[in-house]
Amino acid sequence: MDELLEYLTGVLEPDEPIEPETELFSSGLLDSVLMIGLIMFIEQKCGIQVRAEDVTLDNFDTPERIKNFVESAS
């Protein structure tokens, strides 16, 4: 989780700290271009393949949801 939060903070440069429940996509912090970079980061760091149908708000809207998705995909 720490690496994910560090990555997101570095890429998004938010005004407020990113917490596990921070809404990324639905709040507008993360756009579709940045989502591609996030998916590449996850695939490289976690050694998993993220399919297009996996990229949903349920899986990717918060760091906590991303962590849960990665754990279930591993």
N, C-alpha and C. Protein backbone atom coordinates (compact mmCIF):
# COMPACT_ATOMS: atom_id res chain seq x y z
N MET A 1 0.83 -1.20 0.00
CA MET A 1 0.00 0.00 0.00
C MET A 1 0.87 1.25 0.00
N ASP A 2 1.97 1.23 0.74
CA ASP A 2 2.83 2.41 0.82
C ASP A 2 3.38 2.80 -0.55
N GLU A 3 3.82 1.80 -1.33
CA GLU A 3 4.35 2.09 -2.67
C GLU A 3 3.27 2.69 -3.56
N LEU A 4 2.06 2.17 -3.45
CA LEU A 4 0.95 2.69 -4.24
C LEU A 4 0.65 4.14 -3.86
N LEU A 5 0.59 4.43 -2.57
CA LEU A 5 0.31 5.80 -2.12
C LEU A 5 1.43 6.74 -2.55
N GLU A 6 2.68 6.29 -2.48
CA GLU A 6 3.81 7.10 -2.94
C GLU A 6 3.71 7.38 -4.44
N TYR A 7 3.38 6.35 -5.20
CA TYR A 7 3.24 6.51 -6.65
C TYR A 7 2.15 7.53 -6.96
N LEU A 8 0.98 7.34 -6.36
CA LEU A 8 -0.15 8.23 -6.62
C LEU A 8 0.17 9.67 -6.21
N THR A 9 0.82 9.85 -5.08
CA THR A 9 1.18 11.19 -4.62
C THR A 9 2.14 11.85 -5.60
N GLY A 10 3.11 11.09 -6.10
CA GLY A 10 4.08 11.63 -7.04
C GLY A 10 3.47 12.01 -8.37
N VAL A 11 2.55 11.20 -8.85
CA VAL A 11 1.94 11.43 -10.16
C VAL A 11 0.86 12.51 -10.09
N LEU A 12 0.03 12.45 -9.06
CA LEU A 12 -1.13 13.33 -8.98
C LEU A 12 -0.82 14.68 -8.34
N GLU A 13 0.21 14.73 -7.51
CA GLU A 13 0.57 15.95 -6.78
C GLU A 13 -0.66 16.63 -6.17
N PRO A 14 -1.39 15.90 -5.31
CA PRO A 14 -2.63 16.44 -4.74
C PRO A 14 -2.37 17.52 -3.69
N ASP A 15 -3.39 18.35 -3.46
CA ASP A 15 -3.31 19.36 -2.41
C ASP A 15 -3.40 18.74 -1.02
N GLU A 16 -4.14 17.65 -0.91
CA GLU A 16 -4.32 16.93 0.35
C GLU A 16 -3.64 15.56 0.24
N PRO A 17 -3.20 15.00 1.37
CA PRO A 17 -2.60 13.66 1.31
C PRO A 17 -3.59 12.62 0.77
N ILE A 18 -3.08 11.66 0.04
CA ILE A 18 -3.92 10.57 -0.46
C ILE A 18 -3.98 9.51 0.62
N GLU A 19 -5.19 9.17 1.01
CA GLU A 19 -5.46 8.16 2.03
C GLU A 19 -6.01 6.91 1.34
N PRO A 20 -6.08 5.79 2.05
CA PRO A 20 -6.63 4.57 1.44
C PRO A 20 -8.04 4.73 0.87
N GLU A 21 -8.84 5.60 1.44
CA GLU A 21 -10.22 5.77 0.95
C GLU A 21 -10.41 7.01 0.07
N THR A 22 -9.33 7.66 -0.33
CA THR A 22 -9.43 8.82 -1.22
C THR A 22 -9.99 8.39 -2.57
N GLU A 23 -11.06 9.04 -3.01
CA GLU A 23 -11.62 8.74 -4.33
C GLU A 23 -10.71 9.36 -5.39
N LEU A 24 -10.24 8.54 -6.29
CA LEU A 24 -9.28 8.99 -7.29
C LEU A 24 -9.96 9.40 -8.59
N PHE A 25 -10.67 8.47 -9.18
CA PHE A 25 -11.26 8.72 -10.50
C PHE A 25 -12.55 9.53 -10.39
N SER A 26 -13.42 9.15 -9.47
CA SER A 26 -14.71 9.83 -9.38
C SER A 26 -14.57 11.26 -8.85
N SER A 27 -13.46 11.57 -8.18
CA SER A 27 -13.22 12.94 -7.69
C SER A 27 -12.53 13.80 -8.74
N GLY A 28 -12.03 13.18 -9.81
CA GLY A 28 -11.33 13.92 -10.85
C GLY A 28 -9.82 14.00 -10.64
N LEU A 29 -9.31 13.43 -9.55
CA LEU A 29 -7.85 13.42 -9.34
C LEU A 29 -7.15 12.62 -10.43
N LEU A 30 -7.75 11.53 -10.83
CA LEU A 30 -7.16 10.60 -11.79
C LEU A 30 -7.99 10.64 -13.07
N ASP A 31 -7.32 10.89 -14.20
CA ASP A 31 -8.03 10.86 -15.48
C ASP A 31 -7.63 9.60 -16.25
N SER A 32 -8.19 9.45 -17.43
CA SER A 32 -7.96 8.22 -18.18
C SER A 32 -6.50 8.04 -18.59
N VAL A 33 -5.81 9.12 -18.88
CA VAL A 33 -4.40 9.03 -19.26
C VAL A 33 -3.56 8.58 -18.07
N LEU A 34 -3.80 9.17 -16.91
CA LEU A 34 -3.08 8.77 -15.71
C LEU A 34 -3.45 7.36 -15.28
N MET A 35 -4.67 6.93 -15.59
CA MET A 35 -5.10 5.56 -15.26
C MET A 35 -4.24 4.54 -15.99
N ILE A 36 -3.87 4.84 -17.22
CA ILE A 36 -3.02 3.93 -17.99
C ILE A 36 -1.67 3.76 -17.29
N GLY A 37 -1.10 4.86 -16.82
CA GLY A 37 0.15 4.79 -16.08
C GLY A 37 0.00 4.00 -14.79
N LEU A 38 -1.11 4.18 -14.10
CA LEU A 38 -1.37 3.45 -12.86
C LEU A 38 -1.47 1.95 -13.13
N ILE A 39 -2.16 1.58 -14.19
CA ILE A 39 -2.29 0.17 -14.54
C ILE A 39 -0.92 -0.43 -14.87
N MET A 40 -0.10 0.30 -15.61
CA MET A 40 1.25 -0.19 -15.93
C MET A 40 2.07 -0.36 -14.65
N PHE A 41 1.96 0.59 -13.73
CA PHE A 41 2.66 0.52 -12.44
C PHE A 41 2.23 -0.74 -11.69
N ILE A 42 0.93 -0.99 -11.61
CA ILE A 42 0.42 -2.15 -10.89
C ILE A 42 0.88 -3.44 -11.55
N GLU A 43 0.81 -3.51 -12.87
CA GLU A 43 1.23 -4.72 -13.57
C GLU A 43 2.71 -5.01 -13.34
N GLN A 44 3.54 -3.98 -13.38
CA GLN A 44 4.98 -4.18 -13.18
C GLN A 44 5.31 -4.53 -11.74
N LYS A 45 4.72 -3.81 -10.79
CA LYS A 45 5.04 -4.04 -9.38
C LYS A 45 4.49 -5.34 -8.85
N CYS A 46 3.31 -5.73 -9.33
CA CYS A 46 2.61 -6.87 -8.75
C CYS A 46 2.68 -8.12 -9.62
N GLY A 47 3.16 -7.98 -10.84
CA GLY A 47 3.29 -9.14 -11.72
C GLY A 47 1.95 -9.73 -12.14
N ILE A 48 0.94 -8.87 -12.28
CA ILE A 48 -0.37 -9.34 -12.72
C ILE A 48 -0.76 -8.65 -14.02
N GLN A 49 -1.71 -9.23 -14.71
CA GLN A 49 -2.26 -8.65 -15.92
C GLN A 49 -3.60 -8.03 -15.57
N VAL A 50 -3.77 -6.74 -15.84
CA VAL A 50 -5.04 -6.06 -15.60
C VAL A 50 -5.81 -6.04 -16.92
N ARG A 51 -6.94 -6.72 -16.94
CA ARG A 51 -7.76 -6.77 -18.16
C ARG A 51 -8.65 -5.53 -18.23
N ALA A 52 -9.06 -5.16 -19.42
CA ALA A 52 -9.91 -3.98 -19.60
C ALA A 52 -11.17 -4.07 -18.76
N GLU A 53 -11.77 -5.25 -18.67
CA GLU A 53 -13.00 -5.40 -17.90
C GLU A 53 -12.78 -5.29 -16.39
N ASP A 54 -11.53 -5.35 -15.95
CA ASP A 54 -11.21 -5.18 -14.53
C ASP A 54 -11.15 -3.71 -14.12
N VAL A 55 -11.01 -2.82 -15.10
CA VAL A 55 -10.84 -1.40 -14.81
C VAL A 55 -12.21 -0.76 -14.60
N THR A 56 -12.66 -0.85 -13.34
CA THR A 56 -13.96 -0.31 -12.94
C THR A 56 -13.76 0.54 -11.68
N LEU A 57 -14.77 1.33 -11.36
CA LEU A 57 -14.71 2.11 -10.12
C LEU A 57 -14.65 1.18 -8.92
N ASP A 58 -15.31 0.04 -8.99
CA ASP A 58 -15.26 -0.92 -7.88
C ASP A 58 -13.84 -1.40 -7.60
N ASN A 59 -13.02 -1.48 -8.63
CA ASN A 59 -11.65 -1.96 -8.47
C ASN A 59 -10.60 -0.86 -8.35
N PHE A 60 -10.87 0.33 -8.90
CA PHE A 60 -9.79 1.31 -9.04
C PHE A 60 -10.10 2.72 -8.53
N ASP A 61 -11.22 2.94 -7.85
CA ASP A 61 -11.54 4.31 -7.45
C ASP A 61 -10.80 4.78 -6.20
N THR A 62 -10.35 3.88 -5.36
CA THR A 62 -9.59 4.27 -4.17
C THR A 62 -8.36 3.38 -4.05
N PRO A 63 -7.32 3.84 -3.36
CA PRO A 63 -6.16 2.98 -3.13
C PRO A 63 -6.54 1.67 -2.43
N GLU A 64 -7.48 1.73 -1.51
CA GLU A 64 -7.92 0.51 -0.81
C GLU A 64 -8.55 -0.48 -1.79
N ARG A 65 -9.38 0.01 -2.70
CA ARG A 65 -9.99 -0.87 -3.70
C ARG A 65 -8.93 -1.45 -4.63
N ILE A 66 -7.94 -0.65 -4.97
CA ILE A 66 -6.85 -1.15 -5.83
C ILE A 66 -6.10 -2.26 -5.10
N LYS A 67 -5.81 -2.05 -3.84
CA LYS A 67 -5.12 -3.07 -3.03
C LYS A 67 -5.94 -4.36 -3.00
N ASN A 68 -7.23 -4.24 -2.76
CA ASN A 68 -8.09 -5.43 -2.71
C ASN A 68 -8.15 -6.13 -4.06
N PHE A 69 -8.20 -5.36 -5.14
CA PHE A 69 -8.19 -5.96 -6.48
C PHE A 69 -6.90 -6.73 -6.72
N VAL A 70 -5.76 -6.12 -6.39
CA VAL A 70 -4.47 -6.77 -6.61
C VAL A 70 -4.38 -8.06 -5.80
N GLU A 71 -4.83 -8.01 -4.55
CA GLU A 71 -4.79 -9.21 -3.71
C GLU A 71 -5.66 -10.32 -4.28
N SER A 72 -6.82 -9.97 -4.83
CA SER A 72 -7.70 -11.01 -5.39
C SER A 72 -7.19 -11.52 -6.73
N ALA A 73 -6.43 -10.71 -7.45
CA ALA A 73 -5.90 -11.11 -8.77
C ALA A 73 -4.59 -11.90 -8.65
N SER A 74 -3.95 -11.82 -7.50
CA SER A 74 -2.64 -12.49 -7.33
C SER A 74 -2.80 -13.97 -7.05
